[in-house]
Amino acid sequence: MREEESPTTLTTKQRLEKEIEEDRETWLDRVNSHLEKLLQKANRDNQIIRHMARHYRTQNKICNIRVKQMKSRLKQALKSKREGDRLRFLAEASLANQDT
């Protein structure tokens, strides 16, 4: 070992670079496994996003159907109320005519 490469004269960065060079395969394996984990996480997140998109689309369709059903029920209720009002009006008019 040369004197200029002794551990005391090397900076931390230089020692780290030397260690990385000596253990290049180990570091490459570590980096590779780390990148694979990141890719798996990204794929999982994409699957969740796709699933949620389908889920919300289905929920939206169900809600639209419910809105249509409620509109139909409301129309029927309003029609029956108007018919009841008409019948009551006619009944009151006929009673008024009988009283006079």
N, C-alpha and C. Protein backbone atom coordinates (compact mmCIF):
# COMPACT_ATOMS: atom_id res chain seq x y z
N MET A 1 0.84 -1.17 0.00
CA MET A 1 0.00 0.00 0.00
C MET A 1 0.89 1.24 0.00
N ARG A 2 0.56 2.15 -0.89
CA ARG A 2 1.34 3.38 -0.94
C ARG A 2 0.91 4.30 0.19
N GLU A 3 1.80 5.22 0.51
CA GLU A 3 1.54 6.08 1.64
C GLU A 3 0.38 7.04 1.36
N GLU A 4 0.23 7.50 0.14
CA GLU A 4 -0.83 8.44 -0.16
C GLU A 4 -2.20 7.78 -0.16
N GLU A 5 -2.25 6.44 -0.18
CA GLU A 5 -3.53 5.74 -0.16
C GLU A 5 -3.84 5.19 1.22
N SER A 6 -3.12 5.55 2.21
CA SER A 6 -3.39 5.05 3.56
C SER A 6 -4.76 5.55 4.00
N PRO A 7 -5.43 4.78 4.85
CA PRO A 7 -6.80 5.14 5.26
C PRO A 7 -6.90 6.48 5.96
N THR A 8 -5.85 6.94 6.55
CA THR A 8 -5.93 8.21 7.27
C THR A 8 -5.90 9.40 6.32
N THR A 9 -5.23 9.25 5.17
CA THR A 9 -5.13 10.38 4.26
C THR A 9 -6.26 10.44 3.26
N LEU A 10 -7.03 9.36 3.10
CA LEU A 10 -8.15 9.35 2.16
C LEU A 10 -9.35 10.06 2.77
N THR A 11 -10.04 10.82 1.95
CA THR A 11 -11.27 11.45 2.43
C THR A 11 -12.38 10.41 2.46
N THR A 12 -13.44 10.78 3.07
CA THR A 12 -14.58 9.86 3.17
C THR A 12 -15.10 9.50 1.79
N LYS A 13 -15.18 10.45 0.93
CA LYS A 13 -15.65 10.20 -0.43
C LYS A 13 -14.72 9.24 -1.16
N GLN A 14 -13.42 9.45 -1.00
CA GLN A 14 -12.47 8.57 -1.67
C GLN A 14 -12.54 7.15 -1.11
N ARG A 15 -12.69 7.04 0.20
CA ARG A 15 -12.82 5.69 0.79
C ARG A 15 -14.08 5.00 0.29
N LEU A 16 -15.15 5.76 0.18
CA LEU A 16 -16.41 5.19 -0.32
C LEU A 16 -16.26 4.75 -1.77
N GLU A 17 -15.64 5.58 -2.59
CA GLU A 17 -15.43 5.21 -3.99
C GLU A 17 -14.57 3.96 -4.10
N LYS A 18 -13.54 3.86 -3.27
CA LYS A 18 -12.66 2.69 -3.30
C LYS A 18 -13.43 1.44 -2.89
N GLU A 19 -14.25 1.57 -1.86
CA GLU A 19 -15.05 0.43 -1.40
C GLU A 19 -16.04 -0.01 -2.48
N ILE A 20 -16.63 0.96 -3.14
CA ILE A 20 -17.59 0.64 -4.21
C ILE A 20 -16.87 -0.07 -5.35
N GLU A 21 -15.73 0.39 -5.71
CA GLU A 21 -14.97 -0.26 -6.78
C GLU A 21 -14.64 -1.70 -6.41
N GLU A 22 -14.26 -1.93 -5.16
CA GLU A 22 -13.89 -3.27 -4.72
C GLU A 22 -15.11 -4.19 -4.68
N ASP A 23 -16.25 -3.65 -4.30
CA ASP A 23 -17.47 -4.47 -4.19
C ASP A 23 -18.49 -4.10 -5.25
N ARG A 24 -18.05 -3.89 -6.46
CA ARG A 24 -18.91 -3.44 -7.55
C ARG A 24 -20.10 -4.38 -7.77
N GLU A 25 -19.86 -5.68 -7.79
CA GLU A 25 -20.95 -6.63 -8.03
C GLU A 25 -21.99 -6.56 -6.92
N THR A 26 -21.53 -6.47 -5.71
CA THR A 26 -22.45 -6.40 -4.58
C THR A 26 -23.30 -5.14 -4.68
N TRP A 27 -22.68 -4.01 -4.99
CA TRP A 27 -23.41 -2.76 -5.11
C TRP A 27 -24.38 -2.81 -6.28
N LEU A 28 -23.96 -3.42 -7.38
CA LEU A 28 -24.87 -3.52 -8.53
C LEU A 28 -26.08 -4.39 -8.19
N ASP A 29 -25.85 -5.46 -7.45
CA ASP A 29 -26.97 -6.31 -7.02
C ASP A 29 -27.92 -5.53 -6.10
N ARG A 30 -27.35 -4.75 -5.20
CA ARG A 30 -28.19 -3.95 -4.30
C ARG A 30 -29.02 -2.94 -5.07
N VAL A 31 -28.38 -2.25 -5.96
CA VAL A 31 -29.09 -1.25 -6.76
C VAL A 31 -30.16 -1.91 -7.61
N ASN A 32 -29.82 -3.04 -8.21
CA ASN A 32 -30.77 -3.76 -9.05
C ASN A 32 -31.99 -4.21 -8.24
N SER A 33 -31.76 -4.78 -7.06
CA SER A 33 -32.89 -5.22 -6.24
C SER A 33 -33.73 -4.02 -5.79
N HIS A 34 -33.07 -2.92 -5.49
CA HIS A 34 -33.81 -1.72 -5.10
C HIS A 34 -34.69 -1.22 -6.25
N LEU A 35 -34.14 -1.21 -7.44
CA LEU A 35 -34.92 -0.77 -8.61
C LEU A 35 -36.07 -1.72 -8.90
N GLU A 36 -35.85 -3.02 -8.71
CA GLU A 36 -36.93 -3.99 -8.91
C GLU A 36 -38.06 -3.75 -7.92
N LYS A 37 -37.70 -3.44 -6.66
CA LYS A 37 -38.74 -3.15 -5.67
C LYS A 37 -39.52 -1.91 -6.05
N LEU A 38 -38.82 -0.90 -6.53
CA LEU A 38 -39.52 0.32 -6.97
C LEU A 38 -40.46 0.03 -8.13
N LEU A 39 -40.02 -0.81 -9.06
CA LEU A 39 -40.86 -1.17 -10.21
C LEU A 39 -42.09 -1.95 -9.75
N GLN A 40 -41.90 -2.88 -8.83
CA GLN A 40 -43.04 -3.64 -8.31
C GLN A 40 -44.05 -2.72 -7.63
N LYS A 41 -43.54 -1.77 -6.86
CA LYS A 41 -44.43 -0.82 -6.19
C LYS A 41 -45.19 0.03 -7.21
N ALA A 42 -44.50 0.48 -8.24
CA ALA A 42 -45.15 1.27 -9.28
C ALA A 42 -46.22 0.45 -9.99
N ASN A 43 -45.92 -0.81 -10.28
CA ASN A 43 -46.90 -1.68 -10.94
C ASN A 43 -48.12 -1.90 -10.05
N ARG A 44 -47.88 -2.10 -8.75
CA ARG A 44 -48.98 -2.29 -7.82
C ARG A 44 -49.84 -1.03 -7.75
N ASP A 45 -49.20 0.12 -7.71
CA ASP A 45 -49.94 1.37 -7.69
C ASP A 45 -50.77 1.55 -8.96
N ASN A 46 -50.21 1.18 -10.11
CA ASN A 46 -50.95 1.28 -11.37
C ASN A 46 -52.16 0.34 -11.36
N GLN A 47 -51.99 -0.86 -10.81
CA GLN A 47 -53.11 -1.79 -10.75
C GLN A 47 -54.21 -1.24 -9.85
N ILE A 48 -53.82 -0.64 -8.75
CA ILE A 48 -54.82 -0.06 -7.85
C ILE A 48 -55.56 1.07 -8.55
N ILE A 49 -54.84 1.90 -9.27
CA ILE A 49 -55.46 3.03 -9.97
C ILE A 49 -56.44 2.51 -11.02
N ARG A 50 -56.05 1.47 -11.76
CA ARG A 50 -56.96 0.90 -12.78
C ARG A 50 -58.20 0.32 -12.11
N HIS A 51 -57.99 -0.39 -11.01
CA HIS A 51 -59.12 -0.99 -10.30
C HIS A 51 -60.07 0.10 -9.79
N MET A 52 -59.53 1.16 -9.22
CA MET A 52 -60.36 2.22 -8.68
C MET A 52 -61.11 2.95 -9.80
N ALA A 53 -60.49 3.08 -10.95
CA ALA A 53 -61.17 3.72 -12.08
C ALA A 53 -62.40 2.89 -12.47
N ARG A 54 -62.24 1.58 -12.57
CA ARG A 54 -63.38 0.71 -12.88
C ARG A 54 -64.44 0.79 -11.79
N HIS A 55 -63.98 0.80 -10.54
CA HIS A 55 -64.90 0.86 -9.41
C HIS A 55 -65.74 2.13 -9.45
N TYR A 56 -65.09 3.27 -9.65
CA TYR A 56 -65.81 4.54 -9.68
C TYR A 56 -66.73 4.64 -10.89
N ARG A 57 -66.32 4.08 -12.03
CA ARG A 57 -67.18 4.09 -13.20
C ARG A 57 -68.45 3.27 -12.91
N THR A 58 -68.30 2.12 -12.28
CA THR A 58 -69.44 1.29 -11.94
C THR A 58 -70.35 2.00 -10.95
N GLN A 59 -69.75 2.61 -9.92
CA GLN A 59 -70.54 3.34 -8.93
C GLN A 59 -71.31 4.49 -9.59
N ASN A 60 -70.68 5.16 -10.55
CA ASN A 60 -71.33 6.26 -11.26
C ASN A 60 -72.53 5.76 -12.05
N LYS A 61 -72.38 4.61 -12.70
CA LYS A 61 -73.50 4.05 -13.47
C LYS A 61 -74.65 3.70 -12.53
N ILE A 62 -74.34 3.11 -11.39
CA ILE A 62 -75.38 2.73 -10.42
C ILE A 62 -76.11 3.98 -9.93
N CYS A 63 -75.35 5.03 -9.62
CA CYS A 63 -75.97 6.27 -9.14
C CYS A 63 -76.84 6.91 -10.22
N ASN A 64 -76.39 6.86 -11.47
CA ASN A 64 -77.21 7.40 -12.56
C ASN A 64 -78.52 6.64 -12.70
N ILE A 65 -78.46 5.34 -12.55
CA ILE A 65 -79.69 4.54 -12.62
C ILE A 65 -80.62 4.91 -11.47
N ARG A 66 -80.07 5.08 -10.28
CA ARG A 66 -80.89 5.48 -9.13
C ARG A 66 -81.53 6.85 -9.34
N VAL A 67 -80.78 7.78 -9.91
CA VAL A 67 -81.32 9.11 -10.19
C VAL A 67 -82.49 9.00 -11.17
N LYS A 68 -82.34 8.20 -12.21
CA LYS A 68 -83.42 8.02 -13.18
C LYS A 68 -84.65 7.42 -12.52
N GLN A 69 -84.43 6.41 -11.65
CA GLN A 69 -85.56 5.79 -10.95
C GLN A 69 -86.27 6.79 -10.04
N MET A 70 -85.49 7.60 -9.34
CA MET A 70 -86.10 8.59 -8.44
C MET A 70 -86.85 9.66 -9.22
N LYS A 71 -86.31 10.06 -10.39
CA LYS A 71 -87.03 11.02 -11.23
C LYS A 71 -88.36 10.44 -11.69
N SER A 72 -88.33 9.18 -12.07
CA SER A 72 -89.56 8.52 -12.52
C SER A 72 -90.58 8.46 -11.38
N ARG A 73 -90.13 8.10 -10.19
CA ARG A 73 -91.04 8.06 -9.04
C ARG A 73 -91.58 9.45 -8.72
N LEU A 74 -90.75 10.45 -8.82
CA LEU A 74 -91.19 11.82 -8.55
C LEU A 74 -92.24 12.25 -9.56
N LYS A 75 -92.03 11.93 -10.84
CA LYS A 75 -93.03 12.26 -11.86
C LYS A 75 -94.36 11.59 -11.56
N GLN A 76 -94.31 10.30 -11.18
CA GLN A 76 -95.54 9.57 -10.86
C GLN A 76 -96.23 10.20 -9.65
N ALA A 77 -95.45 10.58 -8.65
CA ALA A 77 -96.03 11.19 -7.46
C ALA A 77 -96.67 12.53 -7.80
N LEU A 78 -96.00 13.33 -8.63
CA LEU A 78 -96.57 14.62 -9.02
C LEU A 78 -97.84 14.45 -9.84
N LYS A 79 -97.85 13.45 -10.74
CA LYS A 79 -99.05 13.19 -11.54
C LYS A 79 -100.21 12.79 -10.65
N SER A 80 -99.97 11.89 -9.73
CA SER A 80 -101.06 11.43 -8.86
C SER A 80 -101.54 12.56 -7.96
N LYS A 81 -100.63 13.44 -7.52
CA LYS A 81 -101.03 14.57 -6.70
C LYS A 81 -101.89 15.54 -7.50
N ARG A 82 -101.49 15.80 -8.75
CA ARG A 82 -102.29 16.71 -9.60
C ARG A 82 -103.67 16.13 -9.86
N GLU A 83 -103.73 14.83 -10.12
CA GLU A 83 -105.04 14.20 -10.35
C GLU A 83 -105.89 14.27 -9.10
N GLY A 84 -105.26 14.07 -7.95
CA GLY A 84 -106.01 14.17 -6.68
C GLY A 84 -106.49 15.58 -6.45
N ASP A 85 -105.66 16.58 -6.79
CA ASP A 85 -106.07 17.98 -6.65
C ASP A 85 -107.24 18.29 -7.57
N ARG A 86 -107.19 17.76 -8.79
CA ARG A 86 -108.30 17.99 -9.74
C ARG A 86 -109.60 17.38 -9.23
N LEU A 87 -109.48 16.14 -8.73
CA LEU A 87 -110.69 15.48 -8.22
C LEU A 87 -111.25 16.23 -7.01
N ARG A 88 -110.38 16.68 -6.13
CA ARG A 88 -110.84 17.42 -4.95
C ARG A 88 -111.49 18.74 -5.38
N PHE A 89 -110.90 19.40 -6.35
CA PHE A 89 -111.45 20.66 -6.86
C PHE A 89 -112.85 20.42 -7.45
N LEU A 90 -112.99 19.35 -8.25
CA LEU A 90 -114.30 19.04 -8.82
C LEU A 90 -115.30 18.69 -7.72
N ALA A 91 -114.86 17.96 -6.73
CA ALA A 91 -115.76 17.58 -5.63
C ALA A 91 -116.19 18.82 -4.86
N GLU A 92 -115.27 19.72 -4.58
CA GLU A 92 -115.62 20.95 -3.86
C GLU A 92 -116.57 21.81 -4.70
N ALA A 93 -116.33 21.85 -6.01
CA ALA A 93 -117.19 22.64 -6.88
C ALA A 93 -118.61 22.05 -6.92
N SER A 94 -118.69 20.74 -6.99
CA SER A 94 -120.02 20.13 -7.04
C SER A 94 -120.75 20.31 -5.72
N LEU A 95 -120.01 20.25 -4.60
CA LEU A 95 -120.64 20.48 -3.30
C LEU A 95 -121.09 21.93 -3.18
N ALA A 96 -120.32 22.83 -3.69
CA ALA A 96 -120.66 24.24 -3.65
C ALA A 96 -121.93 24.49 -4.47
N ASN A 97 -122.06 23.80 -5.60
CA ASN A 97 -123.23 23.96 -6.46
C ASN A 97 -124.48 23.39 -5.78
N GLN A 98 -124.30 22.33 -5.01
CA GLN A 98 -125.44 21.73 -4.33
C GLN A 98 -125.94 22.60 -3.18
N ASP A 99 -125.01 23.31 -2.55
CA ASP A 99 -125.39 24.17 -1.43
C ASP A 99 -126.20 25.38 -1.91
N THR A 100 -125.98 25.82 -3.11
CA THR A 100 -126.70 26.99 -3.57
C THR A 100 -128.01 26.71 -4.20
